[in-house]
């Protein structure tokens, strides 16, 4: 019985363990669009605060200038001409901020690094104005910066944060994942939040942890969000990969079924152990009759 239960639990864990990439179980090589498009957690890593950028007002700034306010920072990587994912992620972040009793510029800051070096600060300023308008808190303007810059500086910050992205020349767009990088006031990476929708309590907890200078490893279930949401080369858009979503959903359903069976087998075990089989009873009756 114990060996059977152990086997069931191992099978359940195997079903729920995500592959390192959406196409890890494919026999053919990983598509070029997906190579390097992942997030590698670098907890405790300090960002290169000496890198220079241009903010939404056209001013030259050093990244470290945005980490000297004594507040934690939500770091995002986006670009204005992104066909879908950046807009969805930004909308999700705004909805989360609306339900948060903390405000950028007062309790924490948001820094968006534009991954497309061709984007002008005027274009990023337009995107920022739209985001702040949707957010609806004018006082947050001082706490949300959009940074454009040179490829070397952008890449240095992204690499330090473990944020992978790749330019697809044939489609003139970038393949990348969706994640928030939560940093301490000193620019040290504290936590990651994956996906395009975030729970306000989770974000507040992550910011509180970062404010204290502590780091928190991301749970496997949180990483499943990123596992299910990647660049889909077949549709040439970002979205949930059906096979991955089905695999995760099926794994959860299978786990529930297996746990139910284990519980049933465990509950019935004493009864089975204390009862004789029909053959044994019949043999004893025949022996008594003789």
C-alpha atoms as a PDB file:
ATOM      1  CA  UNK A   1       0.000   0.000   0.000  1.00  0.00           C
ATOM      2  CA  UNK A   2       2.775   2.442   0.899  1.00  0.00           C
ATOM      3  CA  UNK A   3       4.654   1.753  -2.310  1.00  0.00           C
ATOM      4  CA  UNK A   4       1.477   2.281  -4.325  1.00  0.00           C
ATOM      5  CA  UNK A   5       0.751   5.601  -2.602  1.00  0.00           C
ATOM      6  CA  UNK A   6       4.333   6.713  -3.079  1.00  0.00           C
ATOM      7  CA  UNK A   7       4.125   5.904  -6.783  1.00  0.00           C
ATOM      8  CA  UNK A   8       0.906   7.890  -7.137  1.00  0.00           C
ATOM      9  CA  UNK A   9       2.371  10.956  -5.481  1.00  0.00           C
ATOM     10  CA  UNK A  10       5.524  10.805  -7.578  1.00  0.00           C
ATOM     11  CA  UNK A  11       3.390  10.584 -10.713  1.00  0.00           C
ATOM     12  CA  UNK A  12       1.374  13.601  -9.610  1.00  0.00           C
ATOM     13  CA  UNK A  13       4.505  15.665  -8.991  1.00  0.00           C
ATOM     14  CA  UNK A  14       5.863  14.694 -12.400  1.00  0.00           C
ATOM     15  CA  UNK A  15       2.668  15.835 -14.074  1.00  0.00           C
ATOM     16  CA  UNK A  16       2.759  19.213 -12.313  1.00  0.00           C
ATOM     17  CA  UNK A  17       6.459  19.944 -12.816  1.00  0.00           C
ATOM     18  CA  UNK A  18       6.714  22.500 -15.659  1.00  0.00           C
ATOM     19  CA  UNK A  19       9.221  22.087 -18.429  1.00  0.00           C
ATOM     20  CA  UNK A  20      12.026  24.634 -18.567  1.00  0.00           C
ATOM     21  CA  UNK A  21      10.525  26.080 -21.731  1.00  0.00           C
ATOM     22  CA  UNK A  22       7.271  25.812 -23.729  1.00  0.00           C
ATOM     23  CA  UNK A  23       8.876  23.511 -26.241  1.00  0.00           C
ATOM     24  CA  UNK A  24      11.064  21.435 -23.951  1.00  0.00           C
ATOM     25  CA  UNK A  25       9.256  18.217 -24.854  1.00  0.00           C
ATOM     26  CA  UNK A  26       9.564  18.788 -28.581  1.00  0.00           C
ATOM     27  CA  UNK A  27      11.965  16.578 -30.483  1.00  0.00           C
ATOM     28  CA  UNK A  28      12.891  19.272 -32.997  1.00  0.00           C
ATOM     29  CA  UNK A  29      15.208  22.146 -31.982  1.00  0.00           C
ATOM     30  CA  UNK A  30      13.715  25.060 -30.082  1.00  0.00           C
ATOM     31  CA  UNK A  31      12.427  27.734 -32.520  1.00  0.00           C
ATOM     32  CA  UNK A  32      14.843  30.604 -32.938  1.00  0.00           C
ATOM     33  CA  UNK A  33      12.192  33.068 -31.708  1.00  0.00           C
ATOM     34  CA  UNK A  34      12.107  31.366 -28.303  1.00  0.00           C
ATOM     35  CA  UNK A  35      15.841  31.081 -27.703  1.00  0.00           C
ATOM     36  CA  UNK A  36      16.883  33.373 -24.872  1.00  0.00           C
ATOM     37  CA  UNK A  37      13.299  34.523 -24.218  1.00  0.00           C
ATOM     38  CA  UNK A  38      13.024  33.515 -20.566  1.00  0.00           C
ATOM     39  CA  UNK A  39      13.375  34.985 -17.104  1.00  0.00           C
ATOM     40  CA  UNK A  40      16.269  33.745 -15.010  1.00  0.00           C
ATOM     41  CA  UNK A  41      15.820  34.769 -11.395  1.00  0.00           C
ATOM     42  CA  UNK A  42      18.820  36.633 -10.018  1.00  0.00           C
ATOM     43  CA  UNK A  43      17.766  37.218  -6.428  1.00  0.00           C
ATOM     44  CA  UNK A  44      20.221  39.425  -4.565  1.00  0.00           C
ATOM     45  CA  UNK A  45      21.774  40.757  -7.767  1.00  0.00           C
ATOM     46  CA  UNK A  46      22.361  44.509  -7.782  1.00  0.00           C
ATOM     47  CA  UNK A  47      21.353  46.304 -10.954  1.00  0.00           C
ATOM     48  CA  UNK A  48      23.996  48.321 -12.864  1.00  0.00           C
ATOM     49  CA  UNK A  49      22.949  51.652 -11.378  1.00  0.00           C
ATOM     50  CA  UNK A  50      25.558  53.585 -13.353  1.00  0.00           C
ATOM     51  CA  UNK A  51      23.842  53.007 -16.706  1.00  0.00           C
ATOM     52  CA  UNK A  52      22.582  56.112 -18.491  1.00  0.00           C
ATOM     53  CA  UNK A  53      19.154  56.640 -20.054  1.00  0.00           C
ATOM     54  CA  UNK A  54      16.820  59.350 -21.313  1.00  0.00           C
ATOM     55  CA  UNK A  55      13.611  59.786 -19.343  1.00  0.00           C
ATOM     56  CA  UNK A  56      10.154  60.689 -20.650  1.00  0.00           C
ATOM     57  CA  UNK A  57      10.991  64.402 -20.448  1.00  0.00           C
ATOM     58  CA  UNK A  58      14.138  64.111 -22.532  1.00  0.00           C
ATOM     59  CA  UNK A  59      16.453  64.438 -19.556  1.00  0.00           C
ATOM     60  CA  UNK A  60      19.615  62.400 -19.201  1.00  0.00           C
ATOM     61  CA  UNK A  61      19.385  60.253 -16.068  1.00  0.00           C
ATOM     62  CA  UNK A  62      21.455  57.586 -14.405  1.00  0.00           C
ATOM     63  CA  UNK A  63      19.503  54.509 -13.325  1.00  0.00           C
ATOM     64  CA  UNK A  64      20.765  54.932  -9.780  1.00  0.00           C
ATOM     65  CA  UNK A  65      19.032  58.325  -9.554  1.00  0.00           C
ATOM     66  CA  UNK A  66      15.708  56.454  -9.493  1.00  0.00           C
ATOM     67  CA  UNK A  67      16.875  54.205  -6.644  1.00  0.00           C
ATOM     68  CA  UNK A  68      17.876  56.908  -4.189  1.00  0.00           C
ATOM     69  CA  UNK A  69      14.477  57.789  -2.793  1.00  0.00           C
ATOM     70  CA  UNK A  70      14.458  55.150  -0.067  1.00  0.00           C
ATOM     71  CA  UNK A  71      11.555  53.372  -1.752  1.00  0.00           C
ATOM     72  CA  UNK A  72      11.278  49.910  -3.374  1.00  0.00           C
ATOM     73  CA  UNK A  73      10.979  49.819  -7.142  1.00  0.00           C
ATOM     74  CA  UNK A  74       8.839  47.827  -9.572  1.00  0.00           C
ATOM     75  CA  UNK A  75      10.984  47.300 -12.669  1.00  0.00           C
ATOM     76  CA  UNK A  76       9.287  46.441 -15.966  1.00  0.00           C
ATOM     77  CA  UNK A  77      10.615  45.832 -19.477  1.00  0.00           C
ATOM     78  CA  UNK A  78       8.300  46.923 -22.309  1.00  0.00           C
ATOM     79  CA  UNK A  79       8.146  48.931 -25.518  1.00  0.00           C
ATOM     80  CA  UNK A  80       5.387  51.031 -27.067  1.00  0.00           C
ATOM     81  CA  UNK A  81       5.045  49.283 -30.422  1.00  0.00           C
ATOM     82  CA  UNK A  82       4.679  45.828 -28.863  1.00  0.00           C
ATOM     83  CA  UNK A  83       1.842  44.060 -30.741  1.00  0.00           C
ATOM     84  CA  UNK A  84       0.092  42.758 -27.632  1.00  0.00           C
ATOM     85  CA  UNK A  85       1.885  41.537 -24.511  1.00  0.00           C
ATOM     86  CA  UNK A  86       3.252  44.864 -23.238  1.00  0.00           C
ATOM     87  CA  UNK A  87      -0.176  46.479 -23.431  1.00  0.00           C
ATOM     88  CA  UNK A  88      -1.847  43.568 -21.657  1.00  0.00           C
ATOM     89  CA  UNK A  89       0.799  43.508 -18.936  1.00  0.00           C
ATOM     90  CA  UNK A  90       0.648  47.281 -18.461  1.00  0.00           C
ATOM     91  CA  UNK A  91      -3.145  47.196 -18.195  1.00  0.00           C
ATOM     92  CA  UNK A  92      -2.870  44.392 -15.655  1.00  0.00           C
ATOM     93  CA  UNK A  93      -0.378  46.367 -13.599  1.00  0.00           C
ATOM     94  CA  UNK A  94      -2.597  49.452 -13.686  1.00  0.00           C
ATOM     95  CA  UNK A  95      -5.602  47.470 -12.470  1.00  0.00           C
ATOM     96  CA  UNK A  96      -3.500  46.092  -9.640  1.00  0.00           C
ATOM     97  CA  UNK A  97      -2.276  49.560  -8.680  1.00  0.00           C
ATOM     98  CA  UNK A  98      -5.858  50.836  -8.603  1.00  0.00           C
ATOM     99  CA  UNK A  99      -6.663  48.352  -5.832  1.00  0.00           C
ATOM    100  CA  UNK A 100      -3.461  49.062  -3.928  1.00  0.00           C
ATOM    101  CA  UNK A 101      -3.521  51.578  -1.083  1.00  0.00           C
ATOM    102  CA  UNK A 102       0.108  52.450  -1.827  1.00  0.00           C
ATOM    103  CA  UNK A 103       0.910  55.012  -4.534  1.00  0.00           C
ATOM    104  CA  UNK A 104       3.960  55.369  -6.815  1.00  0.00           C
ATOM    105  CA  UNK A 105       6.041  58.383  -5.879  1.00  0.00           C
ATOM    106  CA  UNK A 106       5.036  58.073  -2.245  1.00  0.00           C
ATOM    107  CA  UNK A 107       5.369  54.447  -1.140  1.00  0.00           C
ATOM    108  CA  UNK A 108       7.300  52.948  -4.058  1.00  0.00           C
ATOM    109  CA  UNK A 109       8.351  53.729  -7.622  1.00  0.00           C
ATOM    110  CA  UNK A 110       7.805  52.148 -11.028  1.00  0.00           C
ATOM    111  CA  UNK A 111      10.584  52.165 -13.619  1.00  0.00           C
ATOM    112  CA  UNK A 112       9.861  50.985 -17.161  1.00  0.00           C
ATOM    113  CA  UNK A 113      12.930  50.265 -19.271  1.00  0.00           C
ATOM    114  CA  UNK A 114      12.069  50.407 -22.975  1.00  0.00           C
ATOM    115  CA  UNK A 115      13.739  47.415 -24.626  1.00  0.00           C
ATOM    116  CA  UNK A 116      13.571  48.862 -28.152  1.00  0.00           C
ATOM    117  CA  UNK A 117      16.567  51.222 -28.534  1.00  0.00           C
ATOM    118  CA  UNK A 118      14.891  52.869 -31.540  1.00  0.00           C
ATOM    119  CA  UNK A 119      11.985  54.185 -29.481  1.00  0.00           C
ATOM    120  CA  UNK A 120      12.137  57.924 -28.874  1.00  0.00           C
ATOM    121  CA  UNK A 121      11.506  59.464 -25.503  1.00  0.00           C
ATOM    122  CA  UNK A 122       8.576  61.336 -27.074  1.00  0.00           C
ATOM    123  CA  UNK A 123       6.926  58.036 -27.958  1.00  0.00           C
ATOM    124  CA  UNK A 124       7.508  56.623 -24.483  1.00  0.00           C
ATOM    125  CA  UNK A 125       6.133  59.859 -22.976  1.00  0.00           C
ATOM    126  CA  UNK A 126       2.900  59.334 -24.909  1.00  0.00           C
ATOM    127  CA  UNK A 127       2.633  55.757 -23.620  1.00  0.00           C
ATOM    128  CA  UNK A 128       3.328  56.962 -20.092  1.00  0.00           C
ATOM    129  CA  UNK A 129       0.633  59.653 -20.266  1.00  0.00           C
ATOM    130  CA  UNK A 130      -1.906  57.049 -21.377  1.00  0.00           C
ATOM    131  CA  UNK A 131      -0.906  54.746 -18.525  1.00  0.00           C
ATOM    132  CA  UNK A 132      -1.162  57.487 -15.908  1.00  0.00           C
ATOM    133  CA  UNK A 133      -4.528  58.597 -17.282  1.00  0.00           C
ATOM    134  CA  UNK A 134      -5.843  55.040 -17.014  1.00  0.00           C
ATOM    135  CA  UNK A 135      -4.452  54.804 -13.482  1.00  0.00           C
ATOM    136  CA  UNK A 136      -6.282  57.934 -12.405  1.00  0.00           C
ATOM    137  CA  UNK A 137      -3.905  59.131  -9.669  1.00  0.00           C
ATOM    138  CA  UNK A 138      -2.155  62.340 -10.826  1.00  0.00           C
ATOM    139  CA  UNK A 139       0.177  62.234  -7.827  1.00  0.00           C
ATOM    140  CA  UNK A 140       1.725  59.035  -9.231  1.00  0.00           C
ATOM    141  CA  UNK A 141       3.354  60.947 -12.098  1.00  0.00           C
ATOM    142  CA  UNK A 142       6.477  61.602 -10.031  1.00  0.00           C
ATOM    143  CA  UNK A 143       6.860  57.904  -9.275  1.00  0.00           C
ATOM    144  CA  UNK A 144       6.594  56.273 -12.715  1.00  0.00           C
ATOM    145  CA  UNK A 145       9.524  56.750 -15.097  1.00  0.00           C
ATOM    146  CA  UNK A 146       9.924  55.537 -18.674  1.00  0.00           C
ATOM    147  CA  UNK A 147      13.540  55.148 -19.799  1.00  0.00           C
ATOM    148  CA  UNK A 148      14.820  54.936 -23.362  1.00  0.00           C
ATOM    149  CA  UNK A 149      18.455  54.401 -24.189  1.00  0.00           C
ATOM    150  CA  UNK A 150      21.205  52.627 -26.059  1.00  0.00           C
ATOM    151  CA  UNK A 151      21.134  48.912 -26.697  1.00  0.00           C
ATOM    152  CA  UNK A 152      24.195  48.291 -24.504  1.00  0.00           C
ATOM    153  CA  UNK A 153      22.641  50.021 -21.486  1.00  0.00           C
ATOM    154  CA  UNK A 154      19.244  48.379 -21.963  1.00  0.00           C
ATOM    155  CA  UNK A 155      20.816  44.962 -22.325  1.00  0.00           C
ATOM    156  CA  UNK A 156      23.020  45.453 -19.269  1.00  0.00           C
ATOM    157  CA  UNK A 157      20.015  46.143 -17.033  1.00  0.00           C
ATOM    158  CA  UNK A 158      17.948  43.324 -18.564  1.00  0.00           C
ATOM    159  CA  UNK A 159      20.788  40.821 -18.181  1.00  0.00           C
ATOM    160  CA  UNK A 160      21.330  41.808 -14.553  1.00  0.00           C
ATOM    161  CA  UNK A 161      17.604  41.305 -13.917  1.00  0.00           C
ATOM    162  CA  UNK A 162      17.624  37.980 -15.776  1.00  0.00           C
ATOM    163  CA  UNK A 163      15.044  39.264 -18.273  1.00  0.00           C
ATOM    164  CA  UNK A 164      15.540  37.644 -21.673  1.00  0.00           C
ATOM    165  CA  UNK A 165      14.255  39.185 -24.890  1.00  0.00           C
ATOM    166  CA  UNK A 166      15.025  38.780 -28.571  1.00  0.00           C
ATOM    167  CA  UNK A 167      14.519  40.965 -31.624  1.00  0.00           C
ATOM    168  CA  UNK A 168      12.726  39.194 -34.491  1.00  0.00           C
ATOM    169  CA  UNK A 169      13.969  40.999 -37.581  1.00  0.00           C
ATOM    170  CA  UNK A 170      11.569  39.317 -39.997  1.00  0.00           C
ATOM    171  CA  UNK A 171       8.624  40.749 -38.063  1.00  0.00           C
ATOM    172  CA  UNK A 172      10.276  43.842 -36.629  1.00  0.00           C
ATOM    173  CA  UNK A 173       9.190  43.041 -33.080  1.00  0.00           C
ATOM    174  CA  UNK A 174      10.553  41.645 -29.842  1.00  0.00           C
ATOM    175  CA  UNK A 175       9.849  38.272 -28.275  1.00  0.00           C
ATOM    176  CA  UNK A 176       9.849  38.394 -24.492  1.00  0.00           C
ATOM    177  CA  UNK A 177       8.070  37.153 -21.374  1.00  0.00           C
ATOM    178  CA  UNK A 178       5.853  38.944 -18.861  1.00  0.00           C
ATOM    179  CA  UNK A 179       7.235  39.627 -15.386  1.00  0.00           C
ATOM    180  CA  UNK A 180       7.666  42.345 -12.792  1.00  0.00           C
ATOM    181  CA  UNK A 181      11.062  42.606 -11.116  1.00  0.00           C
ATOM    182  CA  UNK A 182      10.722  43.876  -7.544  1.00  0.00           C
ATOM    183  CA  UNK A 183      13.820  45.708  -6.305  1.00  0.00           C
ATOM    184  CA  UNK A 184      14.994  47.146  -3.015  1.00  0.00           C
ATOM    185  CA  UNK A 185      15.709  50.881  -2.618  1.00  0.00           C
ATOM    186  CA  UNK A 186      19.380  50.022  -3.178  1.00  0.00           C
ATOM    187  CA  UNK A 187      18.689  48.379  -6.536  1.00  0.00           C
ATOM    188  CA  UNK A 188      18.948  44.786  -5.320  1.00  0.00           C
ATOM    189  CA  UNK A 189      16.564  42.252  -6.877  1.00  0.00           C
ATOM    190  CA  UNK A 190      14.173  40.982  -4.217  1.00  0.00           C
ATOM    191  CA  UNK A 191      11.364  39.128  -5.976  1.00  0.00           C
ATOM    192  CA  UNK A 192       9.595  38.387  -9.256  1.00  0.00           C
ATOM    193  CA  UNK A 193       5.908  38.436 -10.128  1.00  0.00           C
ATOM    194  CA  UNK A 194       4.963  36.570 -13.297  1.00  0.00           C
ATOM    195  CA  UNK A 195       2.105  36.861 -15.760  1.00  0.00           C
ATOM    196  CA  UNK A 196      -0.038  39.777 -16.885  1.00  0.00           C
ATOM    197  CA  UNK A 197      -2.407  39.982 -13.917  1.00  0.00           C
ATOM    198  CA  UNK A 198      -1.229  40.509 -10.358  1.00  0.00           C
ATOM    199  CA  UNK A 199      -2.959  40.356  -6.994  1.00  0.00           C
ATOM    200  CA  UNK A 200      -2.702  43.627  -5.070  1.00  0.00           C
ATOM    201  CA  UNK A 201      -1.871  41.896  -1.743  1.00  0.00           C
ATOM    202  CA  UNK A 202       0.891  39.922  -3.440  1.00  0.00           C
ATOM    203  CA  UNK A 203       2.417  43.068  -4.919  1.00  0.00           C
ATOM    204  CA  UNK A 204       2.224  44.892  -1.595  1.00  0.00           C
ATOM    205  CA  UNK A 205       3.874  41.978   0.188  1.00  0.00           C
ATOM    206  CA  UNK A 206       6.633  41.870  -2.428  1.00  0.00           C
ATOM    207  CA  UNK A 207       7.225  45.609  -2.061  1.00  0.00           C
ATOM    208  CA  UNK A 208       7.290  45.357   1.735  1.00  0.00           C
ATOM    209  CA  UNK A 209       9.843  42.562   1.504  1.00  0.00           C
ATOM    210  CA  UNK A 210      11.987  44.574  -0.902  1.00  0.00           C
ATOM    211  CA  UNK A 211      11.811  47.613   1.351  1.00  0.00           C
ATOM    212  CA  UNK A 212      13.344  45.485   4.111  1.00  0.00           C
ATOM    213  CA  UNK A 213      16.135  44.385   1.784  1.00  0.00           C
ATOM    214  CA  UNK A 214      15.072  40.730   1.831  1.00  0.00           C
ATOM    215  CA  UNK A 215      14.731  38.338  -1.103  1.00  0.00           C
ATOM    216  CA  UNK A 216      12.013  35.767  -1.732  1.00  0.00           C
ATOM    217  CA  UNK A 217      12.214  32.816  -4.100  1.00  0.00           C
ATOM    218  CA  UNK A 218       9.273  32.479  -6.469  1.00  0.00           C
ATOM    219  CA  UNK A 219       7.025  29.459  -6.013  1.00  0.00           C
ATOM    220  CA  UNK A 220       6.615  26.870  -8.758  1.00  0.00           C
ATOM    221  CA  UNK A 221       2.945  27.758  -9.157  1.00  0.00           C
ATOM    222  CA  UNK A 222       3.865  31.399  -9.814  1.00  0.00           C
ATOM    223  CA  UNK A 223       6.334  30.337 -12.472  1.00  0.00           C
ATOM    224  CA  UNK A 224       3.624  28.299 -14.192  1.00  0.00           C
ATOM    225  CA  UNK A 225       2.040  31.630 -15.161  1.00  0.00           C
ATOM    226  CA  UNK A 226       5.064  32.526 -17.239  1.00  0.00           C
ATOM    227  CA  UNK A 227       5.286  28.935 -18.517  1.00  0.00           C
ATOM    228  CA  UNK A 228       1.759  29.225 -19.947  1.00  0.00           C
ATOM    229  CA  UNK A 229       2.219  32.690 -21.426  1.00  0.00           C
ATOM    230  CA  UNK A 230       4.867  32.978 -24.100  1.00  0.00           C
ATOM    231  CA  UNK A 231       5.459  34.115 -27.633  1.00  0.00           C
ATOM    232  CA  UNK A 232       3.511  31.877 -30.005  1.00  0.00           C
ATOM    233  CA  UNK A 233       5.391  31.666 -33.322  1.00  0.00           C
ATOM    234  CA  UNK A 234       2.425  30.030 -35.073  1.00  0.00           C
ATOM    235  CA  UNK A 235       0.164  33.029 -34.497  1.00  0.00           C
ATOM    236  CA  UNK A 236       3.061  35.503 -34.377  1.00  0.00           C
ATOM    237  CA  UNK A 237       1.578  36.985 -31.238  1.00  0.00           C
ATOM    238  CA  UNK A 238       1.924  36.658 -27.508  1.00  0.00           C
ATOM    239  CA  UNK A 239      -0.671  34.601 -25.750  1.00  0.00           C
ATOM    240  CA  UNK A 240      -1.370  31.424 -23.805  1.00  0.00           C
ATOM    241  CA  UNK A 241      -0.029  28.336 -25.512  1.00  0.00           C
ATOM    242  CA  UNK A 242      -2.968  25.950 -25.627  1.00  0.00           C
ATOM    243  CA  UNK A 243      -0.916  22.812 -25.099  1.00  0.00           C
ATOM    244  CA  UNK A 244       0.820  24.195 -22.022  1.00  0.00           C
ATOM    245  CA  UNK A 245      -2.411  25.486 -20.523  1.00  0.00           C
ATOM    246  CA  UNK A 246      -4.062  22.117 -21.146  1.00  0.00           C
ATOM    247  CA  UNK A 247      -1.084  20.301 -19.637  1.00  0.00           C
ATOM    248  CA  UNK A 248      -1.186  22.368 -16.458  1.00  0.00           C
ATOM    249  CA  UNK A 249      -4.976  22.125 -16.165  1.00  0.00           C
ATOM    250  CA  UNK A 250      -4.890  18.410 -16.833  1.00  0.00           C
ATOM    251  CA  UNK A 251      -2.110  17.950 -14.296  1.00  0.00           C
ATOM    252  CA  UNK A 252      -4.124  19.691 -11.587  1.00  0.00           C
ATOM    253  CA  UNK A 253      -7.188  17.579 -12.383  1.00  0.00           C
ATOM    254  CA  UNK A 254      -5.084  14.427 -12.336  1.00  0.00           C
ATOM    255  CA  UNK A 255      -3.555  15.393  -9.012  1.00  0.00           C
ATOM    256  CA  UNK A 256      -7.011  15.861  -7.487  1.00  0.00           C
ATOM    257  CA  UNK A 257      -8.082  12.445  -8.761  1.00  0.00           C
ATOM    258  CA  UNK A 258      -4.933  10.717  -7.560  1.00  0.00           C
ATOM    259  CA  UNK A 259      -5.158  12.276  -4.104  1.00  0.00           C
ATOM    260  CA  UNK A 260      -8.771  11.127  -3.888  1.00  0.00           C
ATOM    261  CA  UNK A 261      -7.736   7.571  -4.785  1.00  0.00           C
ATOM    262  CA  UNK A 262      -4.869   7.599  -2.287  1.00  0.00           C
ATOM    263  CA  UNK A 263      -7.218   8.771   0.430  1.00  0.00           C
ATOM    264  CA  UNK A 264      -9.735   6.070  -0.460  1.00  0.00           C
ATOM    265  CA  UNK A 265      -7.099   3.320  -0.482  1.00  0.00           C
ATOM    266  CA  UNK A 266      -5.677   4.528   2.834  1.00  0.00           C
ATOM    267  CA  UNK A 267      -9.111   4.681   4.454  1.00  0.00           C
ATOM    268  CA  UNK A 268     -10.075   1.201   3.283  1.00  0.00           C
ATOM    269  CA  UNK A 269      -6.754  -0.413   4.186  1.00  0.00           C
ATOM    270  CA  UNK A 270      -7.605  -1.370   7.832  1.00  0.00           C
ATOM    271  CA  UNK A 271     -10.813  -3.049   6.728  1.00  0.00           C
ATOM    272  CA  UNK A 272      -9.047  -4.990   4.035  1.00  0.00           C
ATOM    273  CA  UNK A 273      -6.251  -6.046   6.360  1.00  0.00           C
ATOM    274  CA  UNK A 274      -8.641  -7.270   9.039  1.00  0.00           C
ATOM    275  CA  UNK A 275     -10.961  -9.256   6.787  1.00  0.00           C
ATOM    276  CA  UNK A 276     -10.380 -12.692   5.312  1.00  0.00           C
ATOM    277  CA  UNK A 277     -10.738 -13.344   1.632  1.00  0.00           C
ATOM    278  CA  UNK A 278     -13.787 -15.355   0.387  1.00  0.00           C
ATOM    279  CA  UNK A 279     -11.521 -18.277  -0.490  1.00  0.00           C
ATOM    280  CA  UNK A 280     -10.078 -18.478   3.018  1.00  0.00           C
ATOM    281  CA  UNK A 281     -13.530 -18.435   4.637  1.00  0.00           C
ATOM    282  CA  UNK A 282     -14.821 -21.155   2.327  1.00  0.00           C
ATOM    283  CA  UNK A 283     -11.770 -23.297   3.049  1.00  0.00           C
ATOM    284  CA  UNK A 284     -12.280 -22.965   6.793  1.00  0.00           C
ATOM    285  CA  UNK A 285     -15.983 -23.875   6.494  1.00  0.00           C
ATOM    286  CA  UNK A 286     -15.136 -26.978   4.491  1.00  0.00           C
ATOM    287  CA  UNK A 287     -12.491 -27.926   7.057  1.00  0.00           C
ATOM    288  CA  UNK A 288     -14.978 -27.510   9.899  1.00  0.00           C
ATOM    289  CA  UNK A 289     -17.559 -29.624   8.097  1.00  0.00           C
ATOM    290  CA  UNK A 290     -15.100 -32.475   7.739  1.00  0.00           C
END
